Full PDB file with SEQRES, HELIX, SHEET, SSBOND, CRYST1, ORIGX, SCALE, CONECT and MASTER records, all heavy atoms in Angstrom:
SEQRES   1 A   42  SER ASN ALA ASP GLU ARG LEU GLU ALA VAL HIS ASP VAL          
SEQRES   2 A   42  LEU MET LEU LEU PRO PRO ALA HIS TYR GLU THR LEU ARG          
SEQRES   3 A   42  TYR LEU MET ILE HIS LEU LYS LYS VAL THR MET ASN GLU          
SEQRES   4 A   42  LYS ASP ASN                                                  
HELIX    1 AA1 ALA A    3  LEU A   14  1                                  12    
HELIX    2 AA2 PRO A   19  THR A   36  1                                  18    
CRYST1    1.000    1.000    1.000  90.00  90.00  90.00 P 1           1          
ORIGX1      1.000000  0.000000  0.000000        0.00000                         
ORIGX2      0.000000  1.000000  0.000000        0.00000                         
ORIGX3      0.000000  0.000000  1.000000        0.00000                         
SCALE1      1.000000  0.000000  0.000000        0.00000                         
SCALE2      0.000000  1.000000  0.000000        0.00000                         
SCALE3      0.000000  0.000000  1.000000        0.00000                         
ATOM      1  N   SER A   1      13.084 -11.908  33.165  1.00  0.00           N  
ATOM      2  CA  SER A   1      13.112 -11.331  31.811  1.00  0.00           C  
ATOM      3  C   SER A   1      14.505 -11.307  31.196  1.00  0.00           C  
ATOM      4  O   SER A   1      14.654 -11.534  29.991  1.00  0.00           O  
ATOM      5  CB  SER A   1      12.523  -9.915  31.830  1.00  0.00           C  
ATOM      6  OG  SER A   1      13.232  -9.096  32.763  1.00  0.00           O  
ATOM      7  N   ASN A   2      15.535 -11.072  32.009  1.00  0.00           N  
ATOM      8  CA  ASN A   2      16.909 -11.052  31.481  1.00  0.00           C  
ATOM      9  C   ASN A   2      17.352 -12.479  31.157  1.00  0.00           C  
ATOM     10  O   ASN A   2      17.357 -13.355  32.016  1.00  0.00           O  
ATOM     11  CB  ASN A   2      17.837 -10.410  32.508  1.00  0.00           C  
ATOM     12  CG  ASN A   2      19.266 -10.337  32.019  1.00  0.00           C  
ATOM     13  OD1 ASN A   2      19.990 -11.329  32.062  1.00  0.00           O  
ATOM     14  ND2 ASN A   2      19.670  -9.166  31.543  1.00  0.00           N  
ATOM     15  N   ALA A   3      17.782 -12.700  29.902  1.00  0.00           N  
ATOM     16  CA  ALA A   3      18.085 -14.047  29.426  1.00  0.00           C  
ATOM     17  C   ALA A   3      19.248 -14.697  30.195  1.00  0.00           C  
ATOM     18  O   ALA A   3      19.207 -15.880  30.531  1.00  0.00           O  
ATOM     19  CB  ALA A   3      18.396 -14.030  27.949  1.00  0.00           C  
ATOM     20  N   ASP A   4      20.318 -13.909  30.468  1.00  0.00           N  
ATOM     21  CA  ASP A   4      21.483 -14.444  31.171  1.00  0.00           C  
ATOM     22  C   ASP A   4      21.118 -14.813  32.619  1.00  0.00           C  
ATOM     23  O   ASP A   4      21.514 -15.879  33.116  1.00  0.00           O  
ATOM     24  CB  ASP A   4      22.623 -13.434  31.171  1.00  0.00           C  
ATOM     25  CG  ASP A   4      23.230 -13.259  29.789  1.00  0.00           C  
ATOM     26  OD1 ASP A   4      23.109 -14.201  28.982  1.00  0.00           O  
ATOM     27  OD2 ASP A   4      23.783 -12.184  29.515  1.00  0.00           O  
ATOM     28  N   GLU A   5      20.383 -13.928  33.284  1.00  0.00           N  
ATOM     29  CA  GLU A   5      19.993 -14.200  34.666  1.00  0.00           C  
ATOM     30  C   GLU A   5      19.038 -15.389  34.733  1.00  0.00           C  
ATOM     31  O   GLU A   5      19.088 -16.193  35.677  1.00  0.00           O  
ATOM     32  CB  GLU A   5      19.334 -12.957  35.271  1.00  0.00           C  
ATOM     33  CG  GLU A   5      20.300 -11.804  35.488  1.00  0.00           C  
ATOM     34  CD  GLU A   5      19.614 -10.536  35.983  1.00  0.00           C  
ATOM     35  OE1 GLU A   5      18.382 -10.615  36.304  1.00  0.00           O  
ATOM     36  OE2 GLU A   5      20.263  -9.495  36.035  1.00  0.00           O  
ATOM     37  N   ARG A   6      18.163 -15.488  33.727  1.00  0.00           N  
ATOM     38  CA  ARG A   6      17.232 -16.620  33.669  1.00  0.00           C  
ATOM     39  C   ARG A   6      17.991 -17.948  33.528  1.00  0.00           C  
ATOM     40  O   ARG A   6      17.674 -18.943  34.179  1.00  0.00           O  
ATOM     41  CB  ARG A   6      16.262 -16.419  32.504  1.00  0.00           C  
ATOM     42  CG  ARG A   6      15.131 -17.470  32.442  1.00  0.00           C  
ATOM     43  CD  ARG A   6      14.098 -17.061  31.418  1.00  0.00           C  
ATOM     44  NE  ARG A   6      14.706 -16.918  30.094  1.00  0.00           N  
ATOM     45  CZ  ARG A   6      14.332 -16.024  29.198  1.00  0.00           C  
ATOM     46  NH1 ARG A   6      13.356 -15.164  29.455  1.00  0.00           N  
ATOM     47  NH2 ARG A   6      14.925 -15.956  28.013  1.00  0.00           N  
ATOM     48  N   LEU A   7      19.009 -17.935  32.671  1.00  0.00           N  
ATOM     49  CA  LEU A   7      19.816 -19.146  32.466  1.00  0.00           C  
ATOM     50  C   LEU A   7      20.537 -19.552  33.750  1.00  0.00           C  
ATOM     51  O   LEU A   7      20.578 -20.735  34.102  1.00  0.00           O  
ATOM     52  CB  LEU A   7      20.823 -18.902  31.348  1.00  0.00           C  
ATOM     53  CG  LEU A   7      21.519 -20.138  30.756  1.00  0.00           C  
ATOM     54  CD1 LEU A   7      20.514 -21.061  30.102  1.00  0.00           C  
ATOM     55  CD2 LEU A   7      22.593 -19.715  29.752  1.00  0.00           C  
ATOM     56  N   GLU A   8      21.081 -18.564  34.451  1.00  0.00           N  
ATOM     57  CA  GLU A   8      21.731 -18.815  35.744  1.00  0.00           C  
ATOM     58  C   GLU A   8      20.741 -19.424  36.745  1.00  0.00           C  
ATOM     59  O   GLU A   8      21.058 -20.380  37.453  1.00  0.00           O  
ATOM     60  CB  GLU A   8      22.282 -17.498  36.316  1.00  0.00           C  
ATOM     61  CG  GLU A   8      23.506 -16.964  35.619  1.00  0.00           C  
ATOM     62  CD  GLU A   8      24.789 -17.422  36.269  1.00  0.00           C  
ATOM     63  OE1 GLU A   8      24.708 -18.213  37.230  1.00  0.00           O  
ATOM     64  OE2 GLU A   8      25.865 -17.002  35.814  1.00  0.00           O  
ATOM     65  N   ALA A   9      19.545 -18.861  36.784  1.00  0.00           N  
ATOM     66  CA  ALA A   9      18.526 -19.339  37.731  1.00  0.00           C  
ATOM     67  C   ALA A   9      18.089 -20.761  37.411  1.00  0.00           C  
ATOM     68  O   ALA A   9      17.930 -21.587  38.306  1.00  0.00           O  
ATOM     69  CB  ALA A   9      17.308 -18.407  37.716  1.00  0.00           C  
ATOM     70  N   VAL A  10      17.924 -21.065  36.119  1.00  0.00           N  
ATOM     71  CA  VAL A  10      17.549 -22.417  35.706  1.00  0.00           C  
ATOM     72  C   VAL A  10      18.642 -23.402  36.105  1.00  0.00           C  
ATOM     73  O   VAL A  10      18.362 -24.488  36.630  1.00  0.00           O  
ATOM     74  CB  VAL A  10      17.279 -22.485  34.182  1.00  0.00           C  
ATOM     75  CG1 VAL A  10      17.173 -23.940  33.702  1.00  0.00           C  
ATOM     76  CG2 VAL A  10      16.027 -21.705  33.806  1.00  0.00           C  
ATOM     77  N   HIS A  11      19.893 -23.017  35.888  1.00  0.00           N  
ATOM     78  CA  HIS A  11      21.008 -23.872  36.276  1.00  0.00           C  
ATOM     79  C   HIS A  11      21.002 -24.159  37.779  1.00  0.00           C  
ATOM     80  O   HIS A  11      21.185 -25.299  38.207  1.00  0.00           O  
ATOM     81  CB  HIS A  11      22.339 -23.219  35.897  1.00  0.00           C  
ATOM     82  CG  HIS A  11      23.528 -23.851  36.541  1.00  0.00           C  
ATOM     83  ND1 HIS A  11      24.107 -23.352  37.672  1.00  0.00           N  
ATOM     84  CD2 HIS A  11      24.206 -24.967  36.232  1.00  0.00           C  
ATOM     85  CE1 HIS A  11      25.116 -24.127  38.031  1.00  0.00           C  
ATOM     86  NE2 HIS A  11      25.202 -25.117  37.166  1.00  0.00           N  
ATOM     87  N   ASP A  12      20.784 -23.123  38.586  1.00  0.00           N  
ATOM     88  CA  ASP A  12      20.792 -23.299  40.027  1.00  0.00           C  
ATOM     89  C   ASP A  12      19.704 -24.270  40.486  1.00  0.00           C  
ATOM     90  O   ASP A  12      19.911 -25.059  41.406  1.00  0.00           O  
ATOM     91  CB  ASP A  12      20.615 -21.934  40.716  1.00  0.00           C  
ATOM     92  CG  ASP A  12      21.850 -21.058  40.564  1.00  0.00           C  
ATOM     93  OD1 ASP A  12      22.912 -21.568  40.205  1.00  0.00           O  
ATOM     94  OD2 ASP A  12      21.725 -19.817  40.788  1.00  0.00           O  
ATOM     95  N   VAL A  13      18.524 -24.181  39.851  1.00  0.00           N  
ATOM     96  CA  VAL A  13      17.445 -25.099  40.235  1.00  0.00           C  
ATOM     97  C   VAL A  13      17.726 -26.532  39.762  1.00  0.00           C  
ATOM     98  O   VAL A  13      17.417 -27.488  40.465  1.00  0.00           O  
ATOM     99  CB  VAL A  13      16.075 -24.621  39.701  1.00  0.00           C  
ATOM    100  CG1 VAL A  13      14.947 -25.488  40.247  1.00  0.00           C  
ATOM    101  CG2 VAL A  13      15.805 -23.179  40.045  1.00  0.00           C  
ATOM    102  N   LEU A  14      18.356 -26.653  38.611  1.00  0.00           N  
ATOM    103  CA  LEU A  14      18.730 -27.989  38.113  1.00  0.00           C  
ATOM    104  C   LEU A  14      19.567 -28.748  39.148  1.00  0.00           C  
ATOM    105  O   LEU A  14      19.426 -29.956  39.314  1.00  0.00           O  
ATOM    106  CB  LEU A  14      19.550 -27.873  36.816  1.00  0.00           C  
ATOM    107  CG  LEU A  14      18.782 -27.785  35.496  1.00  0.00           C  
ATOM    108  CD1 LEU A  14      19.758 -27.540  34.354  1.00  0.00           C  
ATOM    109  CD2 LEU A  14      17.984 -29.051  35.251  1.00  0.00           C  
ATOM    110  N   MET A  15      20.442 -28.009  39.835  1.00  0.00           N  
ATOM    111  CA  MET A  15      21.322 -28.631  40.815  1.00  0.00           C  
ATOM    112  C   MET A  15      20.569 -29.150  42.039  1.00  0.00           C  
ATOM    113  O   MET A  15      21.136 -29.884  42.856  1.00  0.00           O  
ATOM    114  CB  MET A  15      22.395 -27.626  41.279  1.00  0.00           C  
ATOM    115  CG  MET A  15      23.371 -27.221  40.186  1.00  0.00           C  
ATOM    116  SD  MET A  15      24.332 -28.619  39.543  1.00  0.00           S  
ATOM    117  CE  MET A  15      23.534 -28.911  37.972  1.00  0.00           C  
ATOM    118  N   LEU A  16      19.289 -28.795  42.172  1.00  0.00           N  
ATOM    119  CA  LEU A  16      18.489 -29.263  43.309  1.00  0.00           C  
ATOM    120  C   LEU A  16      17.755 -30.561  43.008  1.00  0.00           C  
ATOM    121  O   LEU A  16      17.177 -31.170  43.907  1.00  0.00           O  
ATOM    122  CB  LEU A  16      17.453 -28.185  43.694  1.00  0.00           C  
ATOM    123  CG  LEU A  16      18.008 -26.811  44.088  1.00  0.00           C  
ATOM    124  CD1 LEU A  16      16.859 -25.840  44.365  1.00  0.00           C  
ATOM    125  CD2 LEU A  16      18.914 -26.922  45.321  1.00  0.00           C  
ATOM    126  N   LEU A  17      17.793 -30.991  41.744  1.00  0.00           N  
ATOM    127  CA  LEU A  17      17.107 -32.229  41.372  1.00  0.00           C  
ATOM    128  C   LEU A  17      17.820 -33.451  41.978  1.00  0.00           C  
ATOM    129  O   LEU A  17      19.054 -33.459  42.078  1.00  0.00           O  
ATOM    130  CB  LEU A  17      17.074 -32.400  39.856  1.00  0.00           C  
ATOM    131  CG  LEU A  17      16.112 -31.495  39.072  1.00  0.00           C  
ATOM    132  CD1 LEU A  17      16.356 -31.664  37.575  1.00  0.00           C  
ATOM    133  CD2 LEU A  17      14.649 -31.803  39.405  1.00  0.00           C  
ATOM    134  N   PRO A  18      17.067 -34.472  42.368  1.00  0.00           N  
ATOM    135  CA  PRO A  18      17.707 -35.720  42.802  1.00  0.00           C  
ATOM    136  C   PRO A  18      18.571 -36.255  41.648  1.00  0.00           C  
ATOM    137  O   PRO A  18      18.239 -36.067  40.479  1.00  0.00           O  
ATOM    138  CB  PRO A  18      16.514 -36.653  43.071  1.00  0.00           C  
ATOM    139  CG  PRO A  18      15.353 -35.742  43.301  1.00  0.00           C  
ATOM    140  CD  PRO A  18      15.595 -34.542  42.436  1.00  0.00           C  
ATOM    141  N   PRO A  19      19.690 -36.918  41.960  1.00  0.00           N  
ATOM    142  CA  PRO A  19      20.642 -37.342  40.937  1.00  0.00           C  
ATOM    143  C   PRO A  19      20.029 -38.132  39.772  1.00  0.00           C  
ATOM    144  O   PRO A  19      20.337 -37.863  38.622  1.00  0.00           O  
ATOM    145  CB  PRO A  19      21.643 -38.205  41.719  1.00  0.00           C  
ATOM    146  CG  PRO A  19      21.599 -37.645  43.095  1.00  0.00           C  
ATOM    147  CD  PRO A  19      20.193 -37.204  43.320  1.00  0.00           C  
ATOM    148  N   ALA A  20      19.159 -39.094  40.077  1.00  0.00           N  
ATOM    149  CA  ALA A  20      18.563 -39.899  38.996  1.00  0.00           C  
ATOM    150  C   ALA A  20      17.656 -39.047  38.105  1.00  0.00           C  
ATOM    151  O   ALA A  20      17.597 -39.272  36.891  1.00  0.00           O  
ATOM    152  CB  ALA A  20      17.789 -41.081  39.581  1.00  0.00           C  
ATOM    153  N   HIS A  21      16.990 -38.093  38.686  1.00  0.00           N  
ATOM    154  CA  HIS A  21      16.121 -37.187  37.917  1.00  0.00           C  
ATOM    155  C   HIS A  21      16.982 -36.273  37.035  1.00  0.00           C  
ATOM    156  O   HIS A  21      16.660 -36.038  35.866  1.00  0.00           O  
ATOM    157  CB  HIS A  21      15.258 -36.350  38.844  1.00  0.00           C  
ATOM    158  CG  HIS A  21      14.147 -37.123  39.505  1.00  0.00           C  
ATOM    159  ND1 HIS A  21      12.827 -36.890  39.233  1.00  0.00           N  
ATOM    160  CD2 HIS A  21      14.176 -38.131  40.412  1.00  0.00           C  
ATOM    161  CE1 HIS A  21      12.079 -37.722  39.939  1.00  0.00           C  
ATOM    162  NE2 HIS A  21      12.873 -38.474  40.655  1.00  0.00           N  
ATOM    163  N   TYR A  22      18.054 -35.749  37.612  1.00  0.00           N  
ATOM    164  CA  TYR A  22      18.970 -34.896  36.860  1.00  0.00           C  
ATOM    165  C   TYR A  22      19.545 -35.654  35.664  1.00  0.00           C  
ATOM    166  O   TYR A  22      19.555 -35.137  34.536  1.00  0.00           O  
ATOM    167  CB  TYR A  22      20.099 -34.442  37.792  1.00  0.00           C  
ATOM    168  CG  TYR A  22      21.182 -33.617  37.089  1.00  0.00           C  
ATOM    169  CD1 TYR A  22      21.126 -32.241  37.059  1.00  0.00           C  
ATOM    170  CD2 TYR A  22      22.263 -34.251  36.475  1.00  0.00           C  
ATOM    171  CE1 TYR A  22      22.115 -31.495  36.422  1.00  0.00           C  
ATOM    172  CE2 TYR A  22      23.242 -33.527  35.821  1.00  0.00           C  
ATOM    173  CZ  TYR A  22      23.168 -32.160  35.803  1.00  0.00           C  
ATOM    174  OH  TYR A  22      24.153 -31.439  35.154  1.00  0.00           O  
ATOM    175  N   GLU A  23      20.039 -36.856  35.902  1.00  0.00           N  
ATOM    176  CA  GLU A  23      20.677 -37.638  34.830  1.00  0.00           C  
ATOM    177  C   GLU A  23      19.681 -37.990  33.736  1.00  0.00           C  
ATOM    178  O   GLU A  23      20.000 -37.963  32.548  1.00  0.00           O  
ATOM    179  CB  GLU A  23      21.298 -38.899  35.430  1.00  0.00           C  
ATOM    180  CG  GLU A  23      21.839 -39.896  34.417  1.00  0.00           C  
ATOM    181  CD  GLU A  23      22.887 -39.316  33.475  1.00  0.00           C  
ATOM    182  OE1 GLU A  23      23.559 -38.334  33.864  1.00  0.00           O  
ATOM    183  OE2 GLU A  23      23.033 -39.846  32.368  1.00  0.00           O  
ATOM    184  N   THR A  24      18.450 -38.321  34.124  1.00  0.00           N  
ATOM    185  CA  THR A  24      17.414 -38.647  33.137  1.00  0.00           C  
ATOM    186  C   THR A  24      17.082 -37.416  32.295  1.00  0.00           C  
ATOM    187  O   THR A  24      16.965 -37.519  31.068  1.00  0.00           O  
ATOM    188  CB  THR A  24      16.135 -39.152  33.839  1.00  0.00           C  
ATOM    189  OG1 THR A  24      16.458 -40.321  34.612  1.00  0.00           O  
ATOM    190  CG2 THR A  24      15.050 -39.503  32.851  1.00  0.00           C  
ATOM    191  N   LEU A  25      16.956 -36.265  32.931  1.00  0.00           N  
ATOM    192  CA  LEU A  25      16.653 -35.033  32.218  1.00  0.00           C  
ATOM    193  C   LEU A  25      17.807 -34.659  31.297  1.00  0.00           C  
ATOM    194  O   LEU A  25      17.586 -34.240  30.134  1.00  0.00           O  
ATOM    195  CB  LEU A  25      16.398 -33.909  33.229  1.00  0.00           C  
ATOM    196  CG  LEU A  25      15.878 -32.584  32.674  1.00  0.00           C  
ATOM    197  CD1 LEU A  25      14.511 -32.762  32.020  1.00  0.00           C  
ATOM    198  CD2 LEU A  25      15.793 -31.536  33.776  1.00  0.00           C  
ATOM    199  N   ARG A  26      19.033 -34.806  31.768  1.00  0.00           N  
ATOM    200  CA  ARG A  26      20.211 -34.487  30.942  1.00  0.00           C  
ATOM    201  C   ARG A  26      20.211 -35.344  29.674  1.00  0.00           C  
ATOM    202  O   ARG A  26      20.395 -34.824  28.559  1.00  0.00           O  
ATOM    203  CB  ARG A  26      21.484 -34.762  31.748  1.00  0.00           C  
ATOM    204  CG  ARG A  26      22.785 -34.418  31.026  1.00  0.00           C  
ATOM    205  CD  ARG A  26      23.995 -34.979  31.758  1.00  0.00           C  
ATOM    206  NE  ARG A  26      24.043 -36.421  31.659  1.00  0.00           N  
ATOM    207  CZ  ARG A  26      24.555 -37.075  30.601  1.00  0.00           C  
ATOM    208  NH1 ARG A  26      25.042 -36.409  29.574  1.00  0.00           N  
ATOM    209  NH2 ARG A  26      24.568 -38.391  30.579  1.00  0.00           N  
ATOM    210  N   TYR A  27      20.010 -36.619  29.825  1.00  0.00           N  
ATOM    211  CA  TYR A  27      20.036 -37.557  28.691  1.00  0.00           C  
ATOM    212  C   TYR A  27      18.921 -37.236  27.709  1.00  0.00           C  
ATOM    213  O   TYR A  27      19.136 -37.273  26.492  1.00  0.00           O  
ATOM    214  CB  TYR A  27      19.899 -38.977  29.235  1.00  0.00           C  
ATOM    215  CG  TYR A  27      20.155 -40.071  28.201  1.00  0.00           C  
ATOM    216  CD1 TYR A  27      21.435 -40.335  27.744  1.00  0.00           C  
ATOM    217  CD2 TYR A  27      19.101 -40.838  27.721  1.00  0.00           C  
ATOM    218  CE1 TYR A  27      21.672 -41.333  26.819  1.00  0.00           C  
ATOM    219  CE2 TYR A  27      19.309 -41.846  26.791  1.00  0.00           C  
ATOM    220  CZ  TYR A  27      20.600 -42.096  26.348  1.00  0.00           C  
ATOM    221  OH  TYR A  27      20.823 -43.090  25.412  1.00  0.00           O  
ATOM    222  N   LEU A  28      17.743 -36.918  28.222  1.00  0.00           N  
ATOM    223  CA  LEU A  28      16.615 -36.589  27.371  1.00  0.00           C  
ATOM    224  C   LEU A  28      16.868 -35.302  26.595  1.00  0.00           C  
ATOM    225  O   LEU A  28      16.554 -35.219  25.390  1.00  0.00           O  
ATOM    226  CB  LEU A  28      15.335 -36.442  28.207  1.00  0.00           C  
ATOM    227  CG  LEU A  28      14.070 -36.034  27.439  1.00  0.00           C  
ATOM    228  CD1 LEU A  28      13.662 -37.092  26.413  1.00  0.00           C  
ATOM    229  CD2 LEU A  28      12.909 -35.766  28.417  1.00  0.00           C  
ATOM    230  N   MET A  29      17.460 -34.303  27.228  1.00  0.00           N  
ATOM    231  CA  MET A  29      17.707 -33.030  26.552  1.00  0.00           C  
ATOM    232  C   MET A  29      18.760 -33.181  25.448  1.00  0.00           C  
ATOM    233  O   MET A  29      18.655 -32.528  24.404  1.00  0.00           O  
ATOM    234  CB  MET A  29      18.157 -31.950  27.560  1.00  0.00           C  
ATOM    235  CG  MET A  29      17.052 -31.527  28.520  1.00  0.00           C  
ATOM    236  SD  MET A  29      15.558 -30.963  27.663  1.00  0.00           S  
ATOM    237  CE  MET A  29      14.320 -32.029  28.392  1.00  0.00           C  
ATOM    238  N   ILE A  30      19.749 -34.009  25.673  1.00  0.00           N  
ATOM    239  CA  ILE A  30      20.737 -34.286  24.621  1.00  0.00           C  
ATOM    240  C   ILE A  30      20.007 -34.905  23.405  1.00  0.00           C  
ATOM    241  O   ILE A  30      20.275 -34.545  22.254  1.00  0.00           O  
ATOM    242  CB  ILE A  30      21.850 -35.223  25.138  1.00  0.00           C  
ATOM    243  CG1 ILE A  30      22.708 -34.505  26.161  1.00  0.00           C  
ATOM    244  CG2 ILE A  30      22.702 -35.745  23.980  1.00  0.00           C  
ATOM    245  CD1 ILE A  30      23.693 -35.401  26.892  1.00  0.00           C  
ATOM    246  N   HIS A  31      19.093 -35.807  23.695  1.00  0.00           N  
ATOM    247  CA  HIS A  31      18.318 -36.443  22.621  1.00  0.00           C  
ATOM    248  C   HIS A  31      17.426 -35.427  21.904  1.00  0.00           C  
ATOM    249  O   HIS A  31      17.397 -35.380  20.669  1.00  0.00           O  
ATOM    250  CB  HIS A  31      17.457 -37.552  23.224  1.00  0.00           C  
ATOM    251  CG  HIS A  31      16.345 -38.008  22.333  1.00  0.00           C  
ATOM    252  ND1 HIS A  31      16.569 -38.629  21.111  1.00  0.00           N  
ATOM    253  CD2 HIS A  31      14.982 -37.926  22.461  1.00  0.00           C  
ATOM    254  CE1 HIS A  31      15.399 -38.895  20.528  1.00  0.00           C  
ATOM    255  NE2 HIS A  31      14.441 -38.498  21.330  1.00  0.00           N  
ATOM    256  N   LEU A  32      16.726 -34.586  22.651  1.00  0.00           N  
ATOM    257  CA  LEU A  32      15.826 -33.613  22.036  1.00  0.00           C  
ATOM    258  C   LEU A  32      16.593 -32.568  21.222  1.00  0.00           C  
ATOM    259  O   LEU A  32      16.079 -32.041  20.240  1.00  0.00           O  
ATOM    260  CB  LEU A  32      14.948 -32.945  23.101  1.00  0.00           C  
ATOM    261  CG  LEU A  32      13.945 -33.862  23.822  1.00  0.00           C  
ATOM    262  CD1 LEU A  32      13.103 -33.084  24.817  1.00  0.00           C  
ATOM    263  CD2 LEU A  32      13.037 -34.597  22.821  1.00  0.00           C  
ATOM    264  N   LYS A  33      17.824 -32.286  21.636  1.00  0.00           N  
ATOM    265  CA  LYS A  33      18.671 -31.383  20.834  1.00  0.00           C  
ATOM    266  C   LYS A  33      18.944 -32.018  19.471  1.00  0.00           C  
ATOM    267  O   LYS A  33      18.917 -31.331  18.437  1.00  0.00           O  
ATOM    268  CB  LYS A  33      19.982 -31.125  21.586  1.00  0.00           C  
ATOM    269  CG  LYS A  33      20.875 -30.047  20.961  1.00  0.00           C  
ATOM    270  CD  LYS A  33      20.217 -28.678  21.032  1.00  0.00           C  
ATOM    271  CE  LYS A  33      21.183 -27.565  20.624  1.00  0.00           C  
ATOM    272  NZ  LYS A  33      22.143 -27.245  21.694  1.00  0.00           N  
ATOM    273  N   LYS A  34      19.157 -33.328  19.442  1.00  0.00           N  
ATOM    274  CA  LYS A  34      19.360 -34.046  18.172  1.00  0.00           C  
ATOM    275  C   LYS A  34      18.094 -33.975  17.311  1.00  0.00           C  
ATOM    276  O   LYS A  34      18.175 -33.865  16.096  1.00  0.00           O  
ATOM    277  CB  LYS A  34      19.716 -35.515  18.434  1.00  0.00           C  
ATOM    278  CG  LYS A  34      21.082 -35.731  19.061  1.00  0.00           C  
ATOM    279  CD  LYS A  34      21.326 -37.212  19.335  1.00  0.00           C  
ATOM    280  CE  LYS A  34      22.613 -37.416  20.084  1.00  0.00           C  
ATOM    281  NZ  LYS A  34      22.823 -38.838  20.462  1.00  0.00           N  
ATOM    282  N   VAL A  35      16.943 -34.037  17.972  1.00  0.00           N  
ATOM    283  CA  VAL A  35      15.676 -33.915  17.236  1.00  0.00           C  
ATOM    284  C   VAL A  35      15.616 -32.554  16.540  1.00  0.00           C  
ATOM    285  O   VAL A  35      15.247 -32.469  15.364  1.00  0.00           O  
ATOM    286  CB  VAL A  35      14.461 -34.089  18.179  1.00  0.00           C  
ATOM    287  CG1 VAL A  35      13.155 -33.805  17.450  1.00  0.00           C  
ATOM    288  CG2 VAL A  35      14.428 -35.514  18.758  1.00  0.00           C  
ATOM    289  N   THR A  36      15.984 -31.481  17.239  1.00  0.00           N  
ATOM    290  CA  THR A  36      15.920 -30.132  16.648  1.00  0.00           C  
ATOM    291  C   THR A  36      16.938 -29.966  15.516  1.00  0.00           C  
ATOM    292  O   THR A  36      16.729 -29.165  14.609  1.00  0.00           O  
ATOM    293  CB  THR A  36      16.184 -29.042  17.713  1.00  0.00           C  
ATOM    294  OG1 THR A  36      17.527 -29.142  18.215  1.00  0.00           O  
ATOM    295  CG2 THR A  36      15.206 -29.158  18.866  1.00  0.00           C  
ATOM    296  N   MET A  37      18.014 -30.744  15.554  1.00  0.00           N  
ATOM    297  CA  MET A  37      19.009 -30.663  14.477  1.00  0.00           C  
ATOM    298  C   MET A  37      18.487 -31.256  13.170  1.00  0.00           C  
ATOM    299  O   MET A  37      19.095 -31.065  12.110  1.00  0.00           O  
ATOM    300  CB  MET A  37      20.305 -31.358  14.916  1.00  0.00           C  
ATOM    301  CG  MET A  37      21.034 -30.622  16.040  1.00  0.00           C  
ATOM    302  SD  MET A  37      22.327 -31.591  16.849  1.00  0.00           S  
ATOM    303  CE  MET A  37      23.515 -31.766  15.526  1.00  0.00           C  
ATOM    304  N   ASN A  38      17.368 -31.949  13.248  1.00  0.00           N  
ATOM    305  CA  ASN A  38      16.716 -32.527  12.051  1.00  0.00           C  
ATOM    306  C   ASN A  38      15.403 -31.798  11.753  1.00  0.00           C  
ATOM    307  O   ASN A  38      14.496 -32.354  11.144  1.00  0.00           O  
ATOM    308  CB  ASN A  38      16.457 -34.009  12.259  1.00  0.00           C  
ATOM    309  CG  ASN A  38      17.743 -34.836  12.252  1.00  0.00           C  
ATOM    310  OD1 ASN A  38      18.195 -35.274  11.192  1.00  0.00           O  
ATOM    311  ND2 ASN A  38      18.328 -35.046  13.428  1.00  0.00           N  
ATOM    312  N   GLU A  39      15.333 -30.532  12.191  1.00  0.00           N  
ATOM    313  CA  GLU A  39      14.080 -29.778  12.066  1.00  0.00           C  
ATOM    314  C   GLU A  39      13.604 -29.657  10.624  1.00  0.00           C  
ATOM    315  O   GLU A  39      12.397 -29.652  10.358  1.00  0.00           O  
ATOM    316  CB  GLU A  39      14.267 -28.372  12.664  1.00  0.00           C  
ATOM    317  CG  GLU A  39      13.017 -27.521  12.627  1.00  0.00           C  
ATOM    318  CD  GLU A  39      13.266 -26.065  12.997  1.00  0.00           C  
ATOM    319  OE1 GLU A  39      14.384 -25.754  13.433  1.00  0.00           O  
ATOM    320  OE2 GLU A  39      12.331 -25.267  12.825  1.00  0.00           O  
ATOM    321  N   LYS A  40      14.515 -29.572   9.674  1.00  0.00           N  
ATOM    322  CA  LYS A  40      14.099 -29.396   8.284  1.00  0.00           C  
ATOM    323  C   LYS A  40      13.316 -30.608   7.767  1.00  0.00           C  
ATOM    324  O   LYS A  40      12.519 -30.484   6.826  1.00  0.00           O  
ATOM    325  CB  LYS A  40      15.305 -29.135   7.367  1.00  0.00           C  
ATOM    326  CG  LYS A  40      16.322 -30.273   7.297  1.00  0.00           C  
ATOM    327  CD  LYS A  40      17.472 -29.872   6.368  1.00  0.00           C  
ATOM    328  CE  LYS A  40      18.556 -30.933   6.336  1.00  0.00           C  
ATOM    329  NZ  LYS A  40      18.075 -32.234   5.822  1.00  0.00           N  
ATOM    330  N   ASP A  41      13.485 -31.766   8.422  1.00  0.00           N  
ATOM    331  CA  ASP A  41      12.722 -32.958   8.044  1.00  0.00           C  
ATOM    332  C   ASP A  41      11.547 -33.208   8.975  1.00  0.00           C  
ATOM    333  O   ASP A  41      10.450 -33.563   8.525  1.00  0.00           O  
ATOM    334  CB  ASP A  41      13.639 -34.203   8.066  1.00  0.00           C  
ATOM    335  CG  ASP A  41      14.739 -34.120   7.011  1.00  0.00           C  
ATOM    336  OD1 ASP A  41      14.395 -33.953   5.821  1.00  0.00           O  
ATOM    337  OD2 ASP A  41      15.917 -34.196   7.381  1.00  0.00           O  
ATOM    338  N   ASN A  42      11.766 -33.045  10.303  1.00  0.00           N  
ATOM    339  CA  ASN A  42      10.698 -33.403  11.244  1.00  0.00           C  
ATOM    340  C   ASN A  42       9.828 -32.204  11.683  1.00  0.00           C  
ATOM    341  O   ASN A  42       8.821 -32.383  12.355  1.00  0.00           O  
ATOM    342  CB  ASN A  42      11.295 -34.118  12.484  1.00  0.00           C  
ATOM    343  CG  ASN A  42      12.293 -33.262  13.258  1.00  0.00           C  
ATOM    344  OD1 ASN A  42      12.117 -32.052  13.406  1.00  0.00           O  
ATOM    345  ND2 ASN A  42      13.337 -33.892  13.788  1.00  0.00           N  
TER     346      ASN A  42                                                      
MASTER        0    0    0    2    0    0    0    6  345    1    0    4          
END                                                                             
């Protein structure tokens, strides 16, 4: 429930992903952040 602790926990689990999975997820999230920056249109 605590937002800061949740963020810490998500980060810790991210570090358990295999490298190729981590890198793919990282790249996709950077892209999806760009999608949200165009929210007024999309």
